[in-house]
Amino acid sequence: MDQTAQLNAAEFQRAYAQLQAMKSNIPGNVTEPLLAEYNGLVDRVRDSCGLDVSKFRIANSELRRVCHSGGIVDFNRETHRNFFGPPECDRDLFLRRIDGLLMYLESQNATAKPVIGFANPPIR
């Protein structure tokens, strides 16, 4: 394996590991910074192994602003206001995309998973 291929394989393994870690630690709200990190990892996977994984990206057009309502009491009169938070990605959509990407990469056998630990001896 030449040096470029080794660098690409190492970069792929790092991106894959970061995707797995991201999937295991998804916060309640999928905000723009997390989405930018995810899309960056998708690009790193594409650049390191050459697979077309563009379908797993999440476009900014798929973000939505969430309305948070609340009542405010001001001088004995109650008012109701809506507050819009920063744009967010639907959590279910994010989970589907990251799961789909990881499953696709596993099905392509794009990475060799190292065996860590000891295997049980065969039963005779």
PDB file of N, CA and C in Angstrom:
ATOM      1  N   MET A   1       0.857  -1.171   0.000  1.00  0.00           N
ATOM      2  CA  MET A   1       0.000   0.000   0.000  1.00  0.00           C
ATOM      3  C   MET A   1       0.904   1.235   0.000  1.00  0.00           C
ATOM      4  N   ASP A   2       0.678   2.128  -0.940  1.00  0.00           N
ATOM      5  CA  ASP A   2       1.523   3.316  -0.985  1.00  0.00           C
ATOM      6  C   ASP A   2       1.121   4.317   0.102  1.00  0.00           C
ATOM      7  N   GLN A   3       1.935   5.347   0.248  1.00  0.00           N
ATOM      8  CA  GLN A   3       1.747   6.299   1.347  1.00  0.00           C
ATOM      9  C   GLN A   3       0.427   7.065   1.223  1.00  0.00           C
ATOM     10  N   THR A   4       0.033   7.433   0.010  1.00  0.00           N
ATOM     11  CA  THR A   4      -1.227   8.162  -0.186  1.00  0.00           C
ATOM     12  C   THR A   4      -2.411   7.292   0.219  1.00  0.00           C
ATOM     13  N   ALA A   5      -2.379   6.027  -0.165  1.00  0.00           N
ATOM     14  CA  ALA A   5      -3.462   5.113   0.197  1.00  0.00           C
ATOM     15  C   ALA A   5      -3.519   4.918   1.707  1.00  0.00           C
ATOM     16  N   GLN A   6      -2.360   4.856   2.357  1.00  0.00           N
ATOM     17  CA  GLN A   6      -2.337   4.715   3.814  1.00  0.00           C
ATOM     18  C   GLN A   6      -2.918   5.947   4.493  1.00  0.00           C
ATOM     19  N   LEU A   7      -2.569   7.130   3.979  1.00  0.00           N
ATOM     20  CA  LEU A   7      -3.113   8.372   4.543  1.00  0.00           C
ATOM     21  C   LEU A   7      -4.623   8.435   4.358  1.00  0.00           C
ATOM     22  N   ASN A   8      -5.107   8.028   3.167  1.00  0.00           N
ATOM     23  CA  ASN A   8      -6.547   8.027   2.912  1.00  0.00           C
ATOM     24  C   ASN A   8      -7.268   7.033   3.811  1.00  0.00           C
ATOM     25  N   ALA A   9      -6.676   5.855   4.017  1.00  0.00           N
ATOM     26  CA  ALA A   9      -7.294   4.853   4.886  1.00  0.00           C
ATOM     27  C   ALA A   9      -7.343   5.358   6.327  1.00  0.00           C
ATOM     28  N   ALA A  10      -6.292   5.994   6.775  1.00  0.00           N
ATOM     29  CA  ALA A  10      -6.267   6.534   8.140  1.00  0.00           C
ATOM     30  C   ALA A  10      -7.291   7.659   8.293  1.00  0.00           C
ATOM     31  N   GLU A  11      -7.399   8.507   7.299  1.00  0.00           N
ATOM     32  CA  GLU A  11      -8.380   9.603   7.345  1.00  0.00           C
ATOM     33  C   GLU A  11      -9.796   9.042   7.356  1.00  0.00           C
ATOM     34  N   PHE A  12     -10.033   8.008   6.539  1.00  0.00           N
ATOM     35  CA  PHE A  12     -11.344   7.373   6.519  1.00  0.00           C
ATOM     36  C   PHE A  12     -11.682   6.796   7.894  1.00  0.00           C
ATOM     37  N   GLN A  13     -10.731   6.098   8.497  1.00  0.00           N
ATOM     38  CA  GLN A  13     -10.969   5.477   9.800  1.00  0.00           C
ATOM     39  C   GLN A  13     -11.261   6.529  10.872  1.00  0.00           C
ATOM     40  N   ARG A  14     -10.564   7.662  10.811  1.00  0.00           N
ATOM     41  CA  ARG A  14     -10.835   8.743  11.774  1.00  0.00           C
ATOM     42  C   ARG A  14     -12.243   9.312  11.572  1.00  0.00           C
ATOM     43  N   ALA A  15     -12.618   9.569  10.318  1.00  0.00           N
ATOM     44  CA  ALA A  15     -13.950  10.114  10.034  1.00  0.00           C
ATOM     45  C   ALA A  15     -15.038   9.122  10.443  1.00  0.00           C
ATOM     46  N   TYR A  16     -14.816   7.849  10.151  1.00  0.00           N
ATOM     47  CA  TYR A  16     -15.784   6.803  10.513  1.00  0.00           C
ATOM     48  C   TYR A  16     -15.952   6.728  12.027  1.00  0.00           C
ATOM     49  N   ALA A  17     -14.847   6.770  12.756  1.00  0.00           N
ATOM     50  CA  ALA A  17     -14.900   6.735  14.224  1.00  0.00           C
ATOM     51  C   ALA A  17     -15.629   7.956  14.765  1.00  0.00           C
ATOM     52  N   GLN A  18     -15.392   9.129  14.172  1.00  0.00           N
ATOM     53  CA  GLN A  18     -16.081  10.340  14.625  1.00  0.00           C
ATOM     54  C   GLN A  18     -17.577  10.270  14.333  1.00  0.00           C
ATOM     55  N   LEU A  19     -17.959   9.672  13.214  1.00  0.00           N
ATOM     56  CA  LEU A  19     -19.381   9.493  12.907  1.00  0.00           C
ATOM     57  C   LEU A  19     -20.042   8.571  13.937  1.00  0.00           C
ATOM     58  N   GLN A  20     -19.352   7.483  14.291  1.00  0.00           N
ATOM     59  CA  GLN A  20     -19.900   6.576  15.299  1.00  0.00           C
ATOM     60  C   GLN A  20     -20.038   7.275  16.649  1.00  0.00           C
ATOM     61  N   ALA A  21     -19.034   8.055  17.017  1.00  0.00           N
ATOM     62  CA  ALA A  21     -19.097   8.793  18.283  1.00  0.00           C
ATOM     63  C   ALA A  21     -20.222   9.823  18.250  1.00  0.00           C
ATOM     64  N   MET A  22     -20.393  10.484  17.118  1.00  0.00           N
ATOM     65  CA  MET A  22     -21.467  11.470  16.982  1.00  0.00           C
ATOM     66  C   MET A  22     -22.829  10.796  17.148  1.00  0.00           C
ATOM     67  N   LYS A  23     -22.990   9.641  16.521  1.00  0.00           N
ATOM     68  CA  LYS A  23     -24.261   8.917  16.613  1.00  0.00           C
ATOM     69  C   LYS A  23     -24.566   8.520  18.059  1.00  0.00           C
ATOM     70  N   SER A  24     -23.540   8.169  18.803  1.00  0.00           N
ATOM     71  CA  SER A  24     -23.723   7.742  20.195  1.00  0.00           C
ATOM     72  C   SER A  24     -23.985   8.900  21.146  1.00  0.00           C
ATOM     73  N   ASN A  25     -23.754  10.123  20.694  1.00  0.00           N
ATOM     74  CA  ASN A  25     -23.857  11.284  21.582  1.00  0.00           C
ATOM     75  C   ASN A  25     -24.661  12.418  20.968  1.00  0.00           C
ATOM     76  N   ILE A  26     -25.776  12.098  20.345  1.00  0.00           N
ATOM     77  CA  ILE A  26     -26.604  13.136  19.709  1.00  0.00           C
ATOM     78  C   ILE A  26     -27.383  13.872  20.788  1.00  0.00           C
ATOM     79  N   PRO A  27     -27.248  15.193  20.849  1.00  0.00           N
ATOM     80  CA  PRO A  27     -28.020  15.953  21.835  1.00  0.00           C
ATOM     81  C   PRO A  27     -29.497  16.017  21.447  1.00  0.00           C
ATOM     82  N   GLY A  28     -30.301  16.578  22.329  1.00  0.00           N
ATOM     83  CA  GLY A  28     -31.732  16.688  22.069  1.00  0.00           C
ATOM     84  C   GLY A  28     -32.056  17.537  20.859  1.00  0.00           C
ATOM     85  N   ASN A  29     -31.285  18.602  20.636  1.00  0.00           N
ATOM     86  CA  ASN A  29     -31.509  19.495  19.503  1.00  0.00           C
ATOM     87  C   ASN A  29     -30.327  19.402  18.550  1.00  0.00           C
ATOM     88  N   VAL A  30     -30.619  19.161  17.293  1.00  0.00           N
ATOM     89  CA  VAL A  30     -29.571  19.086  16.271  1.00  0.00           C
ATOM     90  C   VAL A  30     -29.472  20.463  15.632  1.00  0.00           C
ATOM     91  N   THR A  31     -28.515  21.242  16.103  1.00  0.00           N
ATOM     92  CA  THR A  31     -28.368  22.627  15.656  1.00  0.00           C
ATOM     93  C   THR A  31     -27.376  22.737  14.503  1.00  0.00           C
ATOM     94  N   GLU A  32     -27.272  23.948  13.969  1.00  0.00           N
ATOM     95  CA  GLU A  32     -26.405  24.187  12.813  1.00  0.00           C
ATOM     96  C   GLU A  32     -24.943  23.783  13.031  1.00  0.00           C
ATOM     97  N   PRO A  33     -24.337  24.090  14.184  1.00  0.00           N
ATOM     98  CA  PRO A  33     -22.932  23.671  14.352  1.00  0.00           C
ATOM     99  C   PRO A  33     -22.744  22.153  14.279  1.00  0.00           C
ATOM    100  N   LEU A  34     -23.651  21.390  14.870  1.00  0.00           N
ATOM    101  CA  LEU A  34     -23.561  19.931  14.798  1.00  0.00           C
ATOM    102  C   LEU A  34     -23.772  19.452  13.370  1.00  0.00           C
ATOM    103  N   LEU A  35     -24.708  20.073  12.682  1.00  0.00           N
ATOM    104  CA  LEU A  35     -24.980  19.713  11.290  1.00  0.00           C
ATOM    105  C   LEU A  35     -23.781  20.024  10.400  1.00  0.00           C
ATOM    106  N   ALA A  36     -23.120  21.154  10.639  1.00  0.00           N
ATOM    107  CA  ALA A  36     -21.922  21.502   9.865  1.00  0.00           C
ATOM    108  C   ALA A  36     -20.808  20.482  10.121  1.00  0.00           C
ATOM    109  N   GLU A  37     -20.666  20.051  11.375  1.00  0.00           N
ATOM    110  CA  GLU A  37     -19.663  19.031  11.700  1.00  0.00           C
ATOM    111  C   GLU A  37     -19.991  17.712  10.996  1.00  0.00           C
ATOM    112  N   TYR A  38     -21.267  17.320  11.024  1.00  0.00           N
ATOM    113  CA  TYR A  38     -21.703  16.087  10.358  1.00  0.00           C
ATOM    114  C   TYR A  38     -21.419  16.157   8.856  1.00  0.00           C
ATOM    115  N   ASN A  39     -21.834  17.243   8.206  1.00  0.00           N
ATOM    116  CA  ASN A  39     -21.613  17.370   6.763  1.00  0.00           C
ATOM    117  C   ASN A  39     -20.120  17.383   6.434  1.00  0.00           C
ATOM    118  N   GLY A  40     -19.306  17.963   7.322  1.00  0.00           N
ATOM    119  CA  GLY A  40     -17.857  17.934   7.138  1.00  0.00           C
ATOM    120  C   GLY A  40     -17.315  16.515   7.190  1.00  0.00           C
ATOM    121  N   LEU A  41     -17.855  15.702   8.096  1.00  0.00           N
ATOM    122  CA  LEU A  41     -17.435  14.297   8.178  1.00  0.00           C
ATOM    123  C   LEU A  41     -17.864  13.521   6.937  1.00  0.00           C
ATOM    124  N   VAL A  42     -19.054  13.828   6.417  1.00  0.00           N
ATOM    125  CA  VAL A  42     -19.512  13.185   5.171  1.00  0.00           C
ATOM    126  C   VAL A  42     -18.529  13.521   4.043  1.00  0.00           C
ATOM    127  N   ASP A  43     -18.102  14.775   3.965  1.00  0.00           N
ATOM    128  CA  ASP A  43     -17.144  15.184   2.933  1.00  0.00           C
ATOM    129  C   ASP A  43     -15.796  14.489   3.118  1.00  0.00           C
ATOM    130  N   ARG A  44     -15.352  14.337   4.370  1.00  0.00           N
ATOM    131  CA  ARG A  44     -14.080  13.655   4.636  1.00  0.00           C
ATOM    132  C   ARG A  44     -14.147  12.188   4.211  1.00  0.00           C
ATOM    133  N   VAL A  45     -15.291  11.550   4.443  1.00  0.00           N
ATOM    134  CA  VAL A  45     -15.466  10.156   4.000  1.00  0.00           C
ATOM    135  C   VAL A  45     -15.366  10.105   2.478  1.00  0.00           C
ATOM    136  N   ARG A  46     -16.062  10.996   1.806  1.00  0.00           N
ATOM    137  CA  ARG A  46     -16.038  11.027   0.328  1.00  0.00           C
ATOM    138  C   ARG A  46     -14.615  11.240  -0.190  1.00  0.00           C
ATOM    139  N   ASP A  47     -13.915  12.196   0.395  1.00  0.00           N
ATOM    140  CA  ASP A  47     -12.569  12.517  -0.082  1.00  0.00           C
ATOM    141  C   ASP A  47     -11.564  11.399   0.199  1.00  0.00           C
ATOM    142  N   SER A  48     -11.773  10.663   1.279  1.00  0.00           N
ATOM    143  CA  SER A  48     -10.791   9.644   1.655  1.00  0.00           C
ATOM    144  C   SER A  48     -11.001   8.305   0.950  1.00  0.00           C
ATOM    145  N   CYS A  49     -12.256   7.997   0.583  1.00  0.00           N
ATOM    146  CA  CYS A  49     -12.473   6.678  -0.029  1.00  0.00           C
ATOM    147  C   CYS A  49     -13.095   6.751  -1.418  1.00  0.00           C
ATOM    148  N   GLY A  50     -13.539   7.913  -1.833  1.00  0.00           N
ATOM    149  CA  GLY A  50     -14.048   8.066  -3.193  1.00  0.00           C
ATOM    150  C   GLY A  50     -15.479   7.616  -3.417  1.00  0.00           C
ATOM    151  N   LEU A  51     -16.174   7.199  -2.356  1.00  0.00           N
ATOM    152  CA  LEU A  51     -17.570   6.785  -2.513  1.00  0.00           C
ATOM    153  C   LEU A  51     -18.475   8.011  -2.630  1.00  0.00           C
ATOM    154  N   ASP A  52     -19.537   7.884  -3.420  1.00  0.00           N
ATOM    155  CA  ASP A  52     -20.511   8.971  -3.521  1.00  0.00           C
ATOM    156  C   ASP A  52     -21.473   8.871  -2.340  1.00  0.00           C
ATOM    157  N   VAL A  53     -21.242   9.692  -1.345  1.00  0.00           N
ATOM    158  CA  VAL A  53     -22.075   9.683  -0.138  1.00  0.00           C
ATOM    159  C   VAL A  53     -22.866  10.987  -0.015  1.00  0.00           C
ATOM    160  N   SER A  54     -23.006  11.705  -1.123  1.00  0.00           N
ATOM    161  CA  SER A  54     -23.675  13.008  -1.101  1.00  0.00           C
ATOM    162  C   SER A  54     -25.138  12.919  -0.673  1.00  0.00           C
ATOM    163  N   LYS A  55     -25.789  11.788  -0.899  1.00  0.00           N
ATOM    164  CA  LYS A  55     -27.199  11.623  -0.515  1.00  0.00           C
ATOM    165  C   LYS A  55     -27.387  11.634   1.003  1.00  0.00           C
ATOM    166  N   PHE A  56     -26.300  11.445   1.746  1.00  0.00           N
ATOM    167  CA  PHE A  56     -26.392  11.405   3.205  1.00  0.00           C
ATOM    168  C   PHE A  56     -26.170  12.777   3.838  1.00  0.00           C
ATOM    169  N   ARG A  57     -25.808  13.779   3.044  1.00  0.00           N
ATOM    170  CA  ARG A  57     -25.655  15.140   3.562  1.00  0.00           C
ATOM    171  C   ARG A  57     -27.027  15.701   3.929  1.00  0.00           C
ATOM    172  N   ILE A  58     -27.035  16.668   4.805  1.00  0.00           N
ATOM    173  CA  ILE A  58     -28.276  17.359   5.161  1.00  0.00           C
ATOM    174  C   ILE A  58     -28.113  18.810   4.770  1.00  0.00           C
ATOM    175  N   ALA A  59     -28.965  19.257   3.854  1.00  0.00           N
ATOM    176  CA  ALA A  59     -28.882  20.619   3.329  1.00  0.00           C
ATOM    177  C   ALA A  59     -29.479  21.621   4.315  1.00  0.00           C
ATOM    178  N   ASN A  60     -29.022  22.858   4.223  1.00  0.00           N
ATOM    179  CA  ASN A  60     -29.572  23.912   5.082  1.00  0.00           C
ATOM    180  C   ASN A  60     -31.064  24.105   4.847  1.00  0.00           C
ATOM    181  N   SER A  61     -31.536  23.766   3.650  1.00  0.00           N
ATOM    182  CA  SER A  61     -32.960  23.914   3.356  1.00  0.00           C
ATOM    183  C   SER A  61     -33.808  22.929   4.161  1.00  0.00           C
ATOM    184  N   GLU A  62     -33.173  21.907   4.748  1.00  0.00           N
ATOM    185  CA  GLU A  62     -33.900  20.930   5.559  1.00  0.00           C
ATOM    186  C   GLU A  62     -33.961  21.325   7.033  1.00  0.00           C
ATOM    187  N   LEU A  63     -33.396  22.491   7.362  1.00  0.00           N
ATOM    188  CA  LEU A  63     -33.481  22.995   8.731  1.00  0.00           C
ATOM    189  C   LEU A  63     -34.807  23.710   8.927  1.00  0.00           C
ATOM    190  N   ARG A  64     -35.239  23.794  10.166  1.00  0.00           N
ATOM    191  CA  ARG A  64     -36.483  24.521  10.473  1.00  0.00           C
ATOM    192  C   ARG A  64     -36.276  25.306  11.759  1.00  0.00           C
ATOM    193  N   ARG A  65     -37.020  26.372  11.877  1.00  0.00           N
ATOM    194  CA  ARG A  65     -36.976  27.171  13.098  1.00  0.00           C
ATOM    195  C   ARG A  65     -38.076  26.668  14.028  1.00  0.00           C
ATOM    196  N   VAL A  66     -37.714  26.429  15.255  1.00  0.00           N
ATOM    197  CA  VAL A  66     -38.655  25.890  16.230  1.00  0.00           C
ATOM    198  C   VAL A  66     -39.249  27.049  17.023  1.00  0.00           C
ATOM    199  N   CYS A  67     -40.557  27.013  17.150  1.00  0.00           N
ATOM    200  CA  CYS A  67     -41.277  28.050  17.898  1.00  0.00           C
ATOM    201  C   CYS A  67     -41.427  27.608  19.348  1.00  0.00           C
ATOM    202  N   HIS A  68     -40.981  28.458  20.244  1.00  0.00           N
ATOM    203  CA  HIS A  68     -41.147  28.226  21.675  1.00  0.00           C
ATOM    204  C   HIS A  68     -42.119  29.281  22.192  1.00  0.00           C
ATOM    205  N   SER A  69     -43.225  28.854  22.748  1.00  0.00           N
ATOM    206  CA  SER A  69     -44.227  29.790  23.254  1.00  0.00           C
ATOM    207  C   SER A  69     -44.059  29.964  24.753  1.00  0.00           C
ATOM    208  N   GLY A  70     -44.453  31.114  25.214  1.00  0.00           N
ATOM    209  CA  GLY A  70     -44.376  31.350  26.649  1.00  0.00           C
ATOM    210  C   GLY A  70     -45.259  32.502  27.053  1.00  0.00           C
ATOM    211  N   GLY A  71     -45.744  32.434  28.267  1.00  0.00           N
ATOM    212  CA  GLY A  71     -46.545  33.526  28.804  1.00  0.00           C
ATOM    213  C   GLY A  71     -45.685  34.449  29.637  1.00  0.00           C
ATOM    214  N   ILE A  72     -45.942  35.737  29.534  1.00  0.00           N
ATOM    215  CA  ILE A  72     -45.197  36.729  30.295  1.00  0.00           C
ATOM    216  C   ILE A  72     -46.199  37.574  31.074  1.00  0.00           C
ATOM    217  N   VAL A  73     -45.965  37.714  32.352  1.00  0.00           N
ATOM    218  CA  VAL A  73     -46.833  38.556  33.178  1.00  0.00           C
ATOM    219  C   VAL A  73     -46.162  39.913  33.303  1.00  0.00           C
ATOM    220  N   ASP A  74     -46.904  40.976  32.933  1.00  0.00           N
ATOM    221  CA  ASP A  74     -46.344  42.322  32.963  1.00  0.00           C
ATOM    222  C   ASP A  74     -47.391  43.271  33.518  1.00  0.00           C
ATOM    223  N   PHE A  75     -47.182  43.755  34.742  1.00  0.00           N
ATOM    224  CA  PHE A  75     -48.081  44.700  35.387  1.00  0.00           C
ATOM    225  C   PHE A  75     -49.539  44.244  35.358  1.00  0.00           C
ATOM    226  N   ASN A  76     -49.771  43.073  35.902  1.00  0.00           N
ATOM    227  CA  ASN A  76     -51.097  42.492  36.056  1.00  0.00           C
ATOM    228  C   ASN A  76     -51.802  42.171  34.737  1.00  0.00           C
ATOM    229  N   ARG A  77     -51.103  42.135  33.695  1.00  0.00           N
ATOM    230  CA  ARG A  77     -51.723  41.678  32.451  1.00  0.00           C
ATOM    231  C   ARG A  77     -50.824  40.597  31.860  1.00  0.00           C
ATOM    232  N   GLU A  78     -51.461  39.597  31.385  1.00  0.00           N
ATOM    233  CA  GLU A  78     -50.718  38.453  30.862  1.00  0.00           C
ATOM    234  C   GLU A  78     -50.663  38.555  29.346  1.00  0.00           C
ATOM    235  N   THR A  79     -49.511  38.387  28.822  1.00  0.00           N
ATOM    236  CA  THR A  79     -49.353  38.389  27.371  1.00  0.00           C
ATOM    237  C   THR A  79     -48.737  37.064  26.951  1.00  0.00           C
ATOM    238  N   HIS A  80     -48.932  36.737  25.728  1.00  0.00           N
ATOM    239  CA  HIS A  80     -48.410  35.487  25.192  1.00  0.00           C
ATOM    240  C   HIS A  80     -47.503  35.836  24.016  1.00  0.00           C
ATOM    241  N   ARG A  81     -46.291  35.289  24.045  1.00  0.00           N
ATOM    242  CA  ARG A  81     -45.351  35.581  22.965  1.00  0.00           C
ATOM    243  C   ARG A  81     -44.748  34.288  22.438  1.00  0.00           C
ATOM    244  N   ASN A  82     -44.383  34.326  21.194  1.00  0.00           N
ATOM    245  CA  ASN A  82     -43.686  33.206  20.575  1.00  0.00           C
ATOM    246  C   ASN A  82     -42.218  33.582  20.413  1.00  0.00           C
ATOM    247  N   PHE A  83     -41.359  32.649  20.716  1.00  0.00           N
ATOM    248  CA  PHE A  83     -39.932  32.852  20.570  1.00  0.00           C
ATOM    249  C   PHE A  83     -39.407  31.805  19.591  1.00  0.00           C
ATOM    250  N   PHE A  84     -38.644  32.241  18.643  1.00  0.00           N
ATOM    251  CA  PHE A  84     -38.076  31.321  17.667  1.00  0.00           C
ATOM    252  C   PHE A  84     -36.605  31.123  17.969  1.00  0.00           C
ATOM    253  N   GLY A  85     -36.230  29.870  18.138  1.00  0.00           N
ATOM    254  CA  GLY A  85     -34.840  29.545  18.410  1.00  0.00           C
ATOM    255  C   GLY A  85     -34.043  29.473  17.117  1.00  0.00           C
ATOM    256  N   PRO A  86     -32.782  29.110  17.235  1.00  0.00           N
ATOM    257  CA  PRO A  86     -31.959  28.973  16.024  1.00  0.00           C
ATOM    258  C   PRO A  86     -32.455  27.809  15.171  1.00  0.00           C
ATOM    259  N   PRO A  87     -32.129  27.816  13.897  1.00  0.00           N
ATOM    260  CA  PRO A  87     -32.565  26.719  13.023  1.00  0.00           C
ATOM    261  C   PRO A  87     -32.054  25.375  13.530  1.00  0.00           C
ATOM    262  N   GLU A  88     -32.910  24.365  13.418  1.00  0.00           N
ATOM    263  CA  GLU A  88     -32.565  23.021  13.867  1.00  0.00           C
ATOM    264  C   GLU A  88     -32.928  22.015  12.784  1.00  0.00           C
ATOM    265  N   CYS A  89     -32.265  20.874  12.856  1.00  0.00           N
ATOM    266  CA  CYS A  89     -32.587  19.748  11.977  1.00  0.00           C
ATOM    267  C   CYS A  89     -33.482  18.806  12.767  1.00  0.00           C
ATOM    268  N   ASP A  90     -34.455  18.243  12.111  1.00  0.00           N
ATOM    269  CA  ASP A  90     -35.307  17.252  12.749  1.00  0.00           C
ATOM    270  C   ASP A  90     -34.433  16.096  13.220  1.00  0.00           C
ATOM    271  N   ARG A  91     -34.534  15.737  14.492  1.00  0.00           N
ATOM    272  CA  ARG A  91     -33.670  14.710  15.092  1.00  0.00           C
ATOM    273  C   ARG A  91     -33.845  13.355  14.396  1.00  0.00           C
ATOM    274  N   ASP A  92     -35.078  13.000  14.047  1.00  0.00           N
ATOM    275  CA  ASP A  92     -35.323  11.725  13.362  1.00  0.00           C
ATOM    276  C   ASP A  92     -34.651  11.687  11.991  1.00  0.00           C
ATOM    277  N   LEU A  93     -34.711  12.796  11.267  1.00  0.00           N
ATOM    278  CA  LEU A  93     -34.042  12.885   9.970  1.00  0.00           C
ATOM    279  C   LEU A  93     -32.531  12.702  10.148  1.00  0.00           C
ATOM    280  N   PHE A  94     -31.969  13.385  11.146  1.00  0.00           N
ATOM    281  CA  PHE A  94     -30.535  13.277  11.401  1.00  0.00           C
ATOM    282  C   PHE A  94     -30.145  11.836  11.725  1.00  0.00           C
ATOM    283  N   LEU A  95     -30.934  11.180  12.576  1.00  0.00           N
ATOM    284  CA  LEU A  95     -30.650   9.790  12.935  1.00  0.00           C
ATOM    285  C   LEU A  95     -30.728   8.868  11.718  1.00  0.00           C
ATOM    286  N   ARG A  96     -31.726   9.097  10.864  1.00  0.00           N
ATOM    287  CA  ARG A  96     -31.848   8.265   9.659  1.00  0.00           C
ATOM    288  C   ARG A  96     -30.642   8.439   8.743  1.00  0.00           C
ATOM    289  N   ARG A  97     -30.191   9.671   8.575  1.00  0.00           N
ATOM    290  CA  ARG A  97     -29.067   9.920   7.673  1.00  0.00           C
ATOM    291  C   ARG A  97     -27.759   9.336   8.219  1.00  0.00           C
ATOM    292  N   ILE A  98     -27.495   9.549   9.503  1.00  0.00           N
ATOM    293  CA  ILE A  98     -26.236   9.052  10.054  1.00  0.00           C
ATOM    294  C   ILE A  98     -26.248   7.522  10.120  1.00  0.00           C
ATOM    295  N   ASP A  99     -27.391   6.930  10.468  1.00  0.00           N
ATOM    296  CA  ASP A  99     -27.505   5.469  10.455  1.00  0.00           C
ATOM    297  C   ASP A  99     -27.326   4.922   9.040  1.00  0.00           C
ATOM    298  N   GLY A 100     -27.977   5.561   8.088  1.00  0.00           N
ATOM    299  CA  GLY A 100     -27.872   5.130   6.697  1.00  0.00           C
ATOM    300  C   GLY A 100     -26.443   5.198   6.185  1.00  0.00           C
ATOM    301  N   LEU A 101     -25.738   6.283   6.528  1.00  0.00           N
ATOM    302  CA  LEU A 101     -24.353   6.426   6.088  1.00  0.00           C
ATOM    303  C   LEU A 101     -23.479   5.338   6.691  1.00  0.00           C
ATOM    304  N   LEU A 102     -23.617   5.101   7.992  1.00  0.00           N
ATOM    305  CA  LEU A 102     -22.801   4.069   8.636  1.00  0.00           C
ATOM    306  C   LEU A 102     -23.109   2.677   8.068  1.00  0.00           C
ATOM    307  N   MET A 103     -24.382   2.399   7.824  1.00  0.00           N
ATOM    308  CA  MET A 103     -24.750   1.101   7.234  1.00  0.00           C
ATOM    309  C   MET A 103     -24.210   0.960   5.813  1.00  0.00           C
ATOM    310  N   TYR A 104     -24.287   2.030   5.053  1.00  0.00           N
ATOM    311  CA  TYR A 104     -23.756   2.012   3.686  1.00  0.00           C
ATOM    312  C   TYR A 104     -22.258   1.742   3.685  1.00  0.00           C
ATOM    313  N   LEU A 105     -21.536   2.422   4.563  1.00  0.00           N
ATOM    314  CA  LEU A 105     -20.090   2.229   4.626  1.00  0.00           C
ATOM    315  C   LEU A 105     -19.742   0.804   5.054  1.00  0.00           C
ATOM    316  N   GLU A 106     -20.505   0.268   5.987  1.00  0.00           N
ATOM    317  CA  GLU A 106     -20.265  -1.110   6.409  1.00  0.00           C
ATOM    318  C   GLU A 106     -20.556  -2.081   5.268  1.00  0.00           C
ATOM    319  N   SER A 107     -21.613  -1.811   4.507  1.00  0.00           N
ATOM    320  CA  SER A 107     -21.964  -2.709   3.401  1.00  0.00           C
ATOM    321  C   SER A 107     -20.948  -2.638   2.269  1.00  0.00           C
ATOM    322  N   GLN A 108     -20.286  -1.517   2.119  1.00  0.00           N
ATOM    323  CA  GLN A 108     -19.263  -1.374   1.086  1.00  0.00           C
ATOM    324  C   GLN A 108     -17.938  -1.982   1.518  1.00  0.00           C
ATOM    325  N   ASN A 109     -17.872  -2.372   2.780  1.00  0.00           N
ATOM    326  CA  ASN A 109     -16.649  -2.939   3.337  1.00  0.00           C
ATOM    327  C   ASN A 109     -15.465  -2.026   3.053  1.00  0.00           C
ATOM    328  N   ALA A 110     -15.727  -0.714   3.217  1.00  0.00           N
ATOM    329  CA  ALA A 110     -14.707   0.282   2.913  1.00  0.00           C
ATOM    330  C   ALA A 110     -13.610   0.344   3.961  1.00  0.00           C
ATOM    331  N   THR A 111     -13.843  -0.270   5.102  1.00  0.00           N
ATOM    332  CA  THR A 111     -12.824  -0.254   6.147  1.00  0.00           C
ATOM    333  C   THR A 111     -12.653  -1.654   6.707  1.00  0.00           C
ATOM    334  N   ALA A 112     -11.467  -2.003   7.022  1.00  0.00           N
ATOM    335  CA  ALA A 112     -11.200  -3.277   7.686  1.00  0.00           C
ATOM    336  C   ALA A 112     -11.236  -3.018   9.182  1.00  0.00           C
ATOM    337  N   LYS A 113     -12.144  -3.688   9.865  1.00  0.00           N
ATOM    338  CA  LYS A 113     -12.273  -3.475  11.296  1.00  0.00           C
ATOM    339  C   LYS A 113     -11.229  -4.339  12.010  1.00  0.00           C
ATOM    340  N   PRO A 114     -10.347  -3.715  12.780  1.00  0.00           N
ATOM    341  CA  PRO A 114      -9.338  -4.505  13.481  1.00  0.00           C
ATOM    342  C   PRO A 114      -9.966  -5.327  14.595  1.00  0.00           C
ATOM    343  N   VAL A 115      -9.419  -6.513  14.801  1.00  0.00           N
ATOM    344  CA  VAL A 115      -9.878  -7.363  15.891  1.00  0.00           C
ATOM    345  C   VAL A 115      -9.138  -6.924  17.148  1.00  0.00           C
ATOM    346  N   ILE A 116      -9.882  -6.583  18.162  1.00  0.00           N
ATOM    347  CA  ILE A 116      -9.291  -6.146  19.414  1.00  0.00           C
ATOM    348  C   ILE A 116      -9.640  -7.169  20.476  1.00  0.00           C
ATOM    349  N   GLY A 117      -8.650  -7.621  21.207  1.00  0.00           N
ATOM    350  CA  GLY A 117      -8.893  -8.590  22.268  1.00  0.00           C
ATOM    351  C   GLY A 117      -8.585  -9.995  21.800  1.00  0.00           C
ATOM    352  N   PHE A 118      -9.148 -10.956  22.496  1.00  0.00           N
ATOM    353  CA  PHE A 118      -8.877 -12.359  22.216  1.00  0.00           C
ATOM    354  C   PHE A 118     -10.146 -13.047  21.742  1.00  0.00           C
ATOM    355  N   ALA A 119      -9.977 -13.941  20.803  1.00  0.00           N
ATOM    356  CA  ALA A 119     -11.115 -14.731  20.318  1.00  0.00           C
ATOM    357  C   ALA A 119     -11.200 -16.019  21.115  1.00  0.00           C
ATOM    358  N   ASN A 120     -12.402 -16.510  21.305  1.00  0.00           N
ATOM    359  CA  ASN A 120     -12.575 -17.792  21.975  1.00  0.00           C
ATOM    360  C   ASN A 120     -12.036 -18.899  21.082  1.00  0.00           C
ATOM    361  N   PRO A 121     -11.383 -19.897  21.673  1.00  0.00           N
ATOM    362  CA  PRO A 121     -10.907 -21.013  20.854  1.00  0.00           C
ATOM    363  C   PRO A 121     -12.082 -21.823  20.334  1.00  0.00           C
ATOM    364  N   PRO A 122     -11.924 -22.453  19.178  1.00  0.00           N
ATOM    365  CA  PRO A 122     -13.031 -23.261  18.636  1.00  0.00           C
ATOM    366  C   PRO A 122     -13.333 -24.449  19.541  1.00  0.00           C
ATOM    367  N   ILE A 123     -14.593 -24.809  19.618  1.00  0.00           N
ATOM    368  CA  ILE A 123     -15.033 -25.940  20.435  1.00  0.00           C
ATOM    369  C   ILE A 123     -14.816 -27.207  19.607  1.00  0.00           C
ATOM    370  N   ARG A 124     -14.181 -28.194  20.225  1.00  0.00           N
ATOM    371  CA  ARG A 124     -13.903 -29.455  19.491  1.00  0.00           C
ATOM    372  C   ARG A 124     -14.775 -30.550  19.988  1.00  0.00           C
TER     373      ARG A 124
END
